[in-house]
Amino acid sequence: MFIIQPVPKLLNIDGFRIMTYPNDHLPAHVHVIKDDGVIIINLNEEGISPTVRESHGMKRQVERKAVTIVSENKAALLAGWREWHGE
């Protein structure tokens, strides 16, 4: 039997939906969705700014805004990742 687990939405800011997926892999990261684009941003360790791992269909200006939002909310996003993944 295939069980679909809910996707935890960690933040929703200015139309950016920031989430993680169940049973996802390290390193800690988030998926940011805006309009038809998605960007995956590694959260990185303390003292290291988040970095873009992948981007699909997102304009550069929108990517920069996504990285800014993730950077400004890094502590909360890392806490959400750890809560969901038990890290």
PDB file of N, CA and C in Angstrom:
ATOM      1  N   MET A   1       0.836  -1.172   0.000  1.00  0.00           N
ATOM      2  CA  MET A   1       0.000   0.000   0.000  1.00  0.00           C
ATOM      3  C   MET A   1       0.890   1.248   0.000  1.00  0.00           C
ATOM      4  N   PHE A   2       0.558   2.196  -0.811  1.00  0.00           N
ATOM      5  CA  PHE A   2       1.302   3.452  -0.925  1.00  0.00           C
ATOM      6  C   PHE A   2       0.603   4.503  -0.076  1.00  0.00           C
ATOM      7  N   ILE A   3       1.346   5.088   0.863  1.00  0.00           N
ATOM      8  CA  ILE A   3       0.779   6.110   1.736  1.00  0.00           C
ATOM      9  C   ILE A   3       1.411   7.449   1.395  1.00  0.00           C
ATOM     10  N   ILE A   4       0.585   8.413   1.122  1.00  0.00           N
ATOM     11  CA  ILE A   4       1.075   9.757   0.833  1.00  0.00           C
ATOM     12  C   ILE A   4       1.137  10.534   2.144  1.00  0.00           C
ATOM     13  N   GLN A   5       2.328  11.030   2.460  1.00  0.00           N
ATOM     14  CA  GLN A   5       2.479  11.838   3.657  1.00  0.00           C
ATOM     15  C   GLN A   5       2.296  13.301   3.298  1.00  0.00           C
ATOM     16  N   PRO A   6       1.739  14.070   4.222  1.00  0.00           N
ATOM     17  CA  PRO A   6       1.562  15.496   3.940  1.00  0.00           C
ATOM     18  C   PRO A   6       2.916  16.189   3.821  1.00  0.00           C
ATOM     19  N   VAL A   7       2.953  17.184   2.978  1.00  0.00           N
ATOM     20  CA  VAL A   7       4.169  17.980   2.808  1.00  0.00           C
ATOM     21  C   VAL A   7       4.090  19.151   3.778  1.00  0.00           C
ATOM     22  N   PRO A   8       5.054  19.246   4.686  1.00  0.00           N
ATOM     23  CA  PRO A   8       4.992  20.368   5.624  1.00  0.00           C
ATOM     24  C   PRO A   8       5.400  21.679   4.965  1.00  0.00           C
ATOM     25  N   LYS A   9       4.484  22.615   4.973  1.00  0.00           N
ATOM     26  CA  LYS A   9       4.795  23.950   4.475  1.00  0.00           C
ATOM     27  C   LYS A   9       5.377  24.726   5.638  1.00  0.00           C
ATOM     28  N   LEU A  10       6.606  25.120   5.523  1.00  0.00           N
ATOM     29  CA  LEU A  10       7.276  25.803   6.617  1.00  0.00           C
ATOM     30  C   LEU A  10       6.956  27.287   6.649  1.00  0.00           C
ATOM     31  N   LEU A  11       6.871  27.894   5.483  1.00  0.00           N
ATOM     32  CA  LEU A  11       6.582  29.337   5.400  1.00  0.00           C
ATOM     33  C   LEU A  11       5.818  29.636   4.123  1.00  0.00           C
ATOM     34  N   ASN A  12       5.051  30.699   4.172  1.00  0.00           N
ATOM     35  CA  ASN A  12       4.393  31.220   2.980  1.00  0.00           C
ATOM     36  C   ASN A  12       4.514  32.739   3.071  1.00  0.00           C
ATOM     37  N   ILE A  13       5.446  33.295   2.284  1.00  0.00           N
ATOM     38  CA  ILE A  13       5.739  34.726   2.340  1.00  0.00           C
ATOM     39  C   ILE A  13       5.725  35.305   0.930  1.00  0.00           C
ATOM     40  N   ASP A  14       4.965  36.365   0.736  1.00  0.00           N
ATOM     41  CA  ASP A  14       4.920  37.075  -0.561  1.00  0.00           C
ATOM     42  C   ASP A  14       4.696  36.133  -1.740  1.00  0.00           C
ATOM     43  N   GLY A  15       3.886  35.103  -1.555  1.00  0.00           N
ATOM     44  CA  GLY A  15       3.612  34.163  -2.636  1.00  0.00           C
ATOM     45  C   GLY A  15       4.653  33.078  -2.805  1.00  0.00           C
ATOM     46  N   PHE A  16       5.695  33.077  -1.983  1.00  0.00           N
ATOM     47  CA  PHE A  16       6.703  32.025  -1.994  1.00  0.00           C
ATOM     48  C   PHE A  16       6.255  30.949  -1.007  1.00  0.00           C
ATOM     49  N   ARG A  17       6.099  29.729  -1.484  1.00  0.00           N
ATOM     50  CA  ARG A  17       5.764  28.604  -0.607  1.00  0.00           C
ATOM     51  C   ARG A  17       7.060  27.859  -0.328  1.00  0.00           C
ATOM     52  N   ILE A  18       7.450  27.803   0.923  1.00  0.00           N
ATOM     53  CA  ILE A  18       8.723  27.204   1.307  1.00  0.00           C
ATOM     54  C   ILE A  18       8.413  25.940   2.085  1.00  0.00           C
ATOM     55  N   MET A  19       8.923  24.794   1.596  1.00  0.00           N
ATOM     56  CA  MET A  19       8.562  23.520   2.197  1.00  0.00           C
ATOM     57  C   MET A  19       9.703  22.523   2.163  1.00  0.00           C
ATOM     58  N   THR A  20       9.499  21.447   2.902  1.00  0.00           N
ATOM     59  CA  THR A  20      10.393  20.306   2.873  1.00  0.00           C
ATOM     60  C   THR A  20       9.541  19.078   2.616  1.00  0.00           C
ATOM     61  N   TYR A  21      10.161  17.979   2.260  1.00  0.00           N
ATOM     62  CA  TYR A  21       9.427  16.760   1.939  1.00  0.00           C
ATOM     63  C   TYR A  21       9.781  15.651   2.911  1.00  0.00           C
ATOM     64  N   PRO A  22       8.817  14.773   3.203  1.00  0.00           N
ATOM     65  CA  PRO A  22       9.088  13.649   4.107  1.00  0.00           C
ATOM     66  C   PRO A  22      10.186  12.762   3.526  1.00  0.00           C
ATOM     67  N   ASN A  23      10.971  12.190   4.397  1.00  0.00           N
ATOM     68  CA  ASN A  23      12.024  11.253   3.994  1.00  0.00           C
ATOM     69  C   ASN A  23      13.003  11.860   2.998  1.00  0.00           C
ATOM     70  N   ASP A  24      13.169  13.181   3.039  1.00  0.00           N
ATOM     71  CA  ASP A  24      14.120  13.831   2.136  1.00  0.00           C
ATOM     72  C   ASP A  24      15.536  13.562   2.639  1.00  0.00           C
ATOM     73  N   HIS A  25      16.488  13.891   1.858  1.00  0.00           N
ATOM     74  CA  HIS A  25      17.892  13.560   2.113  1.00  0.00           C
ATOM     75  C   HIS A  25      18.660  14.778   2.611  1.00  0.00           C
ATOM     76  N   LEU A  26      19.794  14.507   3.191  1.00  0.00           N
ATOM     77  CA  LEU A  26      20.720  15.573   3.575  1.00  0.00           C
ATOM     78  C   LEU A  26      21.425  16.089   2.328  1.00  0.00           C
ATOM     79  N   PRO A  27      21.938  17.276   2.351  1.00  0.00           N
ATOM     80  CA  PRO A  27      21.960  18.234   3.443  1.00  0.00           C
ATOM     81  C   PRO A  27      20.584  18.878   3.635  1.00  0.00           C
ATOM     82  N   ALA A  28      20.413  19.515   4.787  1.00  0.00           N
ATOM     83  CA  ALA A  28      19.164  20.216   5.081  1.00  0.00           C
ATOM     84  C   ALA A  28      18.911  21.257   3.997  1.00  0.00           C
ATOM     85  N   HIS A  29      17.705  21.237   3.454  1.00  0.00           N
ATOM     86  CA  HIS A  29      17.373  22.158   2.371  1.00  0.00           C
ATOM     87  C   HIS A  29      15.872  22.381   2.325  1.00  0.00           C
ATOM     88  N   VAL A  30      15.462  23.382   1.572  1.00  0.00           N
ATOM     89  CA  VAL A  30      14.052  23.663   1.362  1.00  0.00           C
ATOM     90  C   VAL A  30      13.772  23.786  -0.126  1.00  0.00           C
ATOM     91  N   HIS A  31      12.517  23.541  -0.460  1.00  0.00           N
ATOM     92  CA  HIS A  31      12.019  23.714  -1.820  1.00  0.00           C
ATOM     93  C   HIS A  31      11.159  24.970  -1.791  1.00  0.00           C
ATOM     94  N   VAL A  32      11.477  25.913  -2.658  1.00  0.00           N
ATOM     95  CA  VAL A  32      10.738  27.172  -2.702  1.00  0.00           C
ATOM     96  C   VAL A  32      10.009  27.230  -4.036  1.00  0.00           C
ATOM     97  N   ILE A  33       8.692  27.406  -3.952  1.00  0.00           N
ATOM     98  CA  ILE A  33       7.854  27.421  -5.151  1.00  0.00           C
ATOM     99  C   ILE A  33       7.221  28.800  -5.277  1.00  0.00           C
ATOM    100  N   LYS A  34       7.303  29.324  -6.474  1.00  0.00           N
ATOM    101  CA  LYS A  34       6.683  30.628  -6.781  1.00  0.00           C
ATOM    102  C   LYS A  34       6.230  30.572  -8.227  1.00  0.00           C
ATOM    103  N   ASP A  35       4.948  30.789  -8.449  1.00  0.00           N
ATOM    104  CA  ASP A  35       4.373  30.707  -9.792  1.00  0.00           C
ATOM    105  C   ASP A  35       4.706  29.347 -10.392  1.00  0.00           C
ATOM    106  N   ASP A  36       5.377  29.318 -11.556  1.00  0.00           N
ATOM    107  CA  ASP A  36       5.707  28.050 -12.215  1.00  0.00           C
ATOM    108  C   ASP A  36       7.134  27.600 -11.939  1.00  0.00           C
ATOM    109  N   GLY A  37       7.842  28.293 -11.061  1.00  0.00           N
ATOM    110  CA  GLY A  37       9.240  27.965 -10.805  1.00  0.00           C
ATOM    111  C   GLY A  37       9.445  27.321  -9.453  1.00  0.00           C
ATOM    112  N   VAL A  38      10.557  26.596  -9.350  1.00  0.00           N
ATOM    113  CA  VAL A  38      10.961  25.991  -8.079  1.00  0.00           C
ATOM    114  C   VAL A  38      12.467  26.129  -7.943  1.00  0.00           C
ATOM    115  N   ILE A  39      12.889  26.408  -6.730  1.00  0.00           N
ATOM    116  CA  ILE A  39      14.315  26.518  -6.445  1.00  0.00           C
ATOM    117  C   ILE A  39      14.571  25.710  -5.178  1.00  0.00           C
ATOM    118  N   ILE A  40      15.665  24.980  -5.167  1.00  0.00           N
ATOM    119  CA  ILE A  40      16.060  24.207  -3.994  1.00  0.00           C
ATOM    120  C   ILE A  40      17.254  24.909  -3.373  1.00  0.00           C
ATOM    121  N   ILE A  41      17.121  25.228  -2.088  1.00  0.00           N
ATOM    122  CA  ILE A  41      18.145  26.004  -1.391  1.00  0.00           C
ATOM    123  C   ILE A  41      18.656  25.205  -0.203  1.00  0.00           C
ATOM    124  N   ASN A  42      19.975  24.952  -0.196  1.00  0.00           N
ATOM    125  CA  ASN A  42      20.607  24.310   0.955  1.00  0.00           C
ATOM    126  C   ASN A  42      20.681  25.318   2.083  1.00  0.00           C
ATOM    127  N   LEU A  43      20.287  24.890   3.288  1.00  0.00           N
ATOM    128  CA  LEU A  43      20.276  25.795   4.429  1.00  0.00           C
ATOM    129  C   LEU A  43      21.671  26.015   5.005  1.00  0.00           C
ATOM    130  N   ASN A  44      22.520  25.013   4.932  1.00  0.00           N
ATOM    131  CA  ASN A  44      23.908  25.078   5.406  1.00  0.00           C
ATOM    132  C   ASN A  44      24.001  25.240   6.921  1.00  0.00           C
ATOM    133  N   GLU A  45      25.217  25.094   7.401  1.00  0.00           N
ATOM    134  CA  GLU A  45      25.483  25.160   8.836  1.00  0.00           C
ATOM    135  C   GLU A  45      25.440  26.596   9.333  1.00  0.00           C
ATOM    136  N   GLU A  46      25.464  26.721  10.668  1.00  0.00           N
ATOM    137  CA  GLU A  46      25.514  28.046  11.283  1.00  0.00           C
ATOM    138  C   GLU A  46      26.704  28.819  10.727  1.00  0.00           C
ATOM    139  N   GLY A  47      26.494  30.084  10.459  1.00  0.00           N
ATOM    140  CA  GLY A  47      27.569  30.938   9.980  1.00  0.00           C
ATOM    141  C   GLY A  47      27.810  30.865   8.484  1.00  0.00           C
ATOM    142  N   ILE A  48      27.105  29.965   7.787  1.00  0.00           N
ATOM    143  CA  ILE A  48      27.242  29.843   6.334  1.00  0.00           C
ATOM    144  C   ILE A  48      25.898  30.190   5.707  1.00  0.00           C
ATOM    145  N   SER A  49      25.892  31.120   4.785  1.00  0.00           N
ATOM    146  CA  SER A  49      24.650  31.548   4.133  1.00  0.00           C
ATOM    147  C   SER A  49      24.048  30.423   3.311  1.00  0.00           C
ATOM    148  N   PRO A  50      22.713  30.396   3.194  1.00  0.00           N
ATOM    149  CA  PRO A  50      22.062  29.419   2.326  1.00  0.00           C
ATOM    150  C   PRO A  50      22.546  29.566   0.881  1.00  0.00           C
ATOM    151  N   THR A  51      22.579  28.437   0.162  1.00  0.00           N
ATOM    152  CA  THR A  51      23.049  28.442  -1.222  1.00  0.00           C
ATOM    153  C   THR A  51      22.065  27.717  -2.136  1.00  0.00           C
ATOM    154  N   VAL A  52      21.980  28.186  -3.367  1.00  0.00           N
ATOM    155  CA  VAL A  52      21.101  27.572  -4.359  1.00  0.00           C
ATOM    156  C   VAL A  52      21.722  26.267  -4.845  1.00  0.00           C
ATOM    157  N   ARG A  53      20.943  25.194  -4.788  1.00  0.00           N
ATOM    158  CA  ARG A  53      21.394  23.915  -5.317  1.00  0.00           C
ATOM    159  C   ARG A  53      20.842  23.676  -6.717  1.00  0.00           C
ATOM    160  N   GLU A  54      19.564  23.998  -6.911  1.00  0.00           N
ATOM    161  CA  GLU A  54      18.926  23.817  -8.217  1.00  0.00           C
ATOM    162  C   GLU A  54      17.875  24.894  -8.408  1.00  0.00           C
ATOM    163  N   SER A  55      17.641  25.236  -9.658  1.00  0.00           N
ATOM    164  CA  SER A  55      16.567  26.164  -9.975  1.00  0.00           C
ATOM    165  C   SER A  55      15.942  25.745 -11.294  1.00  0.00           C
ATOM    166  N   HIS A  56      14.610  25.737 -11.308  1.00  0.00           N
ATOM    167  CA  HIS A  56      13.880  25.310 -12.502  1.00  0.00           C
ATOM    168  C   HIS A  56      12.747  26.291 -12.792  1.00  0.00           C
ATOM    169  N   GLY A  57      12.854  26.996 -13.893  1.00  0.00           N
ATOM    170  CA  GLY A  57      11.784  27.865 -14.361  1.00  0.00           C
ATOM    171  C   GLY A  57      11.560  29.127 -13.535  1.00  0.00           C
ATOM    172  N   MET A  58      12.566  29.542 -12.785  1.00  0.00           N
ATOM    173  CA  MET A  58      12.423  30.731 -11.953  1.00  0.00           C
ATOM    174  C   MET A  58      13.363  31.817 -12.480  1.00  0.00           C
ATOM    175  N   LYS A  59      12.824  33.006 -12.636  1.00  0.00           N
ATOM    176  CA  LYS A  59      13.637  34.126 -13.109  1.00  0.00           C
ATOM    177  C   LYS A  59      14.654  34.519 -12.041  1.00  0.00           C
ATOM    178  N   ARG A  60      15.782  35.071 -12.473  1.00  0.00           N
ATOM    179  CA  ARG A  60      16.873  35.444 -11.563  1.00  0.00           C
ATOM    180  C   ARG A  60      16.418  36.370 -10.436  1.00  0.00           C
ATOM    181  N   GLN A  61      15.617  37.361 -10.771  1.00  0.00           N
ATOM    182  CA  GLN A  61      15.148  38.309  -9.764  1.00  0.00           C
ATOM    183  C   GLN A  61      14.307  37.587  -8.701  1.00  0.00           C
ATOM    184  N   VAL A  62      13.497  36.640  -9.128  1.00  0.00           N
ATOM    185  CA  VAL A  62      12.660  35.878  -8.208  1.00  0.00           C
ATOM    186  C   VAL A  62      13.539  34.938  -7.376  1.00  0.00           C
ATOM    187  N   GLU A  63      14.564  34.354  -8.007  1.00  0.00           N
ATOM    188  CA  GLU A  63      15.529  33.518  -7.270  1.00  0.00           C
ATOM    189  C   GLU A  63      16.185  34.306  -6.145  1.00  0.00           C
ATOM    190  N   ARG A  64      16.633  35.507  -6.463  1.00  0.00           N
ATOM    191  CA  ARG A  64      17.303  36.337  -5.454  1.00  0.00           C
ATOM    192  C   ARG A  64      16.370  36.627  -4.275  1.00  0.00           C
ATOM    193  N   LYS A  65      15.116  36.906  -4.571  1.00  0.00           N
ATOM    194  CA  LYS A  65      14.132  37.161  -3.509  1.00  0.00           C
ATOM    195  C   LYS A  65      13.936  35.899  -2.665  1.00  0.00           C
ATOM    196  N   ALA A  66      13.887  34.729  -3.305  1.00  0.00           N
ATOM    197  CA  ALA A  66      13.731  33.465  -2.579  1.00  0.00           C
ATOM    198  C   ALA A  66      14.904  33.241  -1.634  1.00  0.00           C
ATOM    199  N   VAL A  67      16.113  33.480  -2.112  1.00  0.00           N
ATOM    200  CA  VAL A  67      17.307  33.305  -1.276  1.00  0.00           C
ATOM    201  C   VAL A  67      17.280  34.291  -0.103  1.00  0.00           C
ATOM    202  N   THR A  68      16.845  35.507  -0.355  1.00  0.00           N
ATOM    203  CA  THR A  68      16.748  36.503   0.719  1.00  0.00           C
ATOM    204  C   THR A  68      15.761  36.045   1.784  1.00  0.00           C
ATOM    205  N   ILE A  69      14.599  35.577   1.375  1.00  0.00           N
ATOM    206  CA  ILE A  69      13.589  35.107   2.329  1.00  0.00           C
ATOM    207  C   ILE A  69      14.121  33.935   3.142  1.00  0.00           C
ATOM    208  N   VAL A  70      14.768  32.981   2.470  1.00  0.00           N
ATOM    209  CA  VAL A  70      15.323  31.824   3.174  1.00  0.00           C
ATOM    210  C   VAL A  70      16.416  32.276   4.142  1.00  0.00           C
ATOM    211  N   SER A  71      17.278  33.174   3.712  1.00  0.00           N
ATOM    212  CA  SER A  71      18.348  33.669   4.578  1.00  0.00           C
ATOM    213  C   SER A  71      17.794  34.346   5.822  1.00  0.00           C
ATOM    214  N   GLU A  72      16.777  35.173   5.645  1.00  0.00           N
ATOM    215  CA  GLU A  72      16.181  35.901   6.766  1.00  0.00           C
ATOM    216  C   GLU A  72      15.456  34.977   7.744  1.00  0.00           C
ATOM    217  N   ASN A  73      15.060  33.802   7.284  1.00  0.00           N
ATOM    218  CA  ASN A  73      14.286  32.875   8.111  1.00  0.00           C
ATOM    219  C   ASN A  73      15.014  31.562   8.344  1.00  0.00           C
ATOM    220  N   LYS A  74      16.327  31.574   8.166  1.00  0.00           N
ATOM    221  CA  LYS A  74      17.121  30.352   8.231  1.00  0.00           C
ATOM    222  C   LYS A  74      16.938  29.588   9.546  1.00  0.00           C
ATOM    223  N   ALA A  75      16.968  30.267  10.676  1.00  0.00           N
ATOM    224  CA  ALA A  75      16.855  29.586  11.972  1.00  0.00           C
ATOM    225  C   ALA A  75      15.541  28.819  12.077  1.00  0.00           C
ATOM    226  N   ALA A  76      14.453  29.453  11.697  1.00  0.00           N
ATOM    227  CA  ALA A  76      13.142  28.793  11.759  1.00  0.00           C
ATOM    228  C   ALA A  76      13.058  27.640  10.767  1.00  0.00           C
ATOM    229  N   LEU A  77      13.635  27.820   9.587  1.00  0.00           N
ATOM    230  CA  LEU A  77      13.607  26.757   8.577  1.00  0.00           C
ATOM    231  C   LEU A  77      14.433  25.562   9.015  1.00  0.00           C
ATOM    232  N   LEU A  78      15.602  25.814   9.595  1.00  0.00           N
ATOM    233  CA  LEU A  78      16.416  24.714  10.121  1.00  0.00           C
ATOM    234  C   LEU A  78      15.689  23.976  11.243  1.00  0.00           C
ATOM    235  N   ALA A  79      15.005  24.723  12.094  1.00  0.00           N
ATOM    236  CA  ALA A  79      14.238  24.096  13.171  1.00  0.00           C
ATOM    237  C   ALA A  79      13.131  23.218  12.590  1.00  0.00           C
ATOM    238  N   GLY A  80      12.454  23.698  11.557  1.00  0.00           N
ATOM    239  CA  GLY A  80      11.414  22.907  10.890  1.00  0.00           C
ATOM    240  C   GLY A  80      11.979  21.656  10.247  1.00  0.00           C
ATOM    241  N   TRP A  81      13.128  21.783   9.588  1.00  0.00           N
ATOM    242  CA  TRP A  81      13.793  20.634   8.974  1.00  0.00           C
ATOM    243  C   TRP A  81      14.112  19.590  10.049  1.00  0.00           C
ATOM    244  N   ARG A  82      14.710  20.035  11.133  1.00  0.00           N
ATOM    245  CA  ARG A  82      15.118  19.117  12.202  1.00  0.00           C
ATOM    246  C   ARG A  82      13.920  18.446  12.855  1.00  0.00           C
ATOM    247  N   GLU A  83      12.856  19.199  13.020  1.00  0.00           N
ATOM    248  CA  GLU A  83      11.640  18.621  13.614  1.00  0.00           C
ATOM    249  C   GLU A  83      11.077  17.526  12.710  1.00  0.00           C
ATOM    250  N   TRP A  84      11.035  17.775  11.429  1.00  0.00           N
ATOM    251  CA  TRP A  84      10.449  16.833  10.474  1.00  0.00           C
ATOM    252  C   TRP A  84      11.357  15.630  10.245  1.00  0.00           C
ATOM    253  N   HIS A  85      12.674  15.859  10.189  1.00  0.00           N
ATOM    254  CA  HIS A  85      13.604  14.795   9.826  1.00  0.00           C
ATOM    255  C   HIS A  85      14.348  14.196  11.024  1.00  0.00           C
ATOM    256  N   GLY A  86      14.106  14.713  12.205  1.00  0.00           N
ATOM    257  CA  GLY A  86      14.709  14.143  13.402  1.00  0.00           C
ATOM    258  C   GLY A  86      16.204  14.331  13.497  1.00  0.00           C
ATOM    259  N   GLU A  87      16.702  15.331  12.836  1.00  0.00           N
ATOM    260  CA  GLU A  87      18.152  15.575  12.825  1.00  0.00           C
ATOM    261  C   GLU A  87      18.557  16.456  13.973  1.00  0.00           C
TER     262      GLU A  87
END
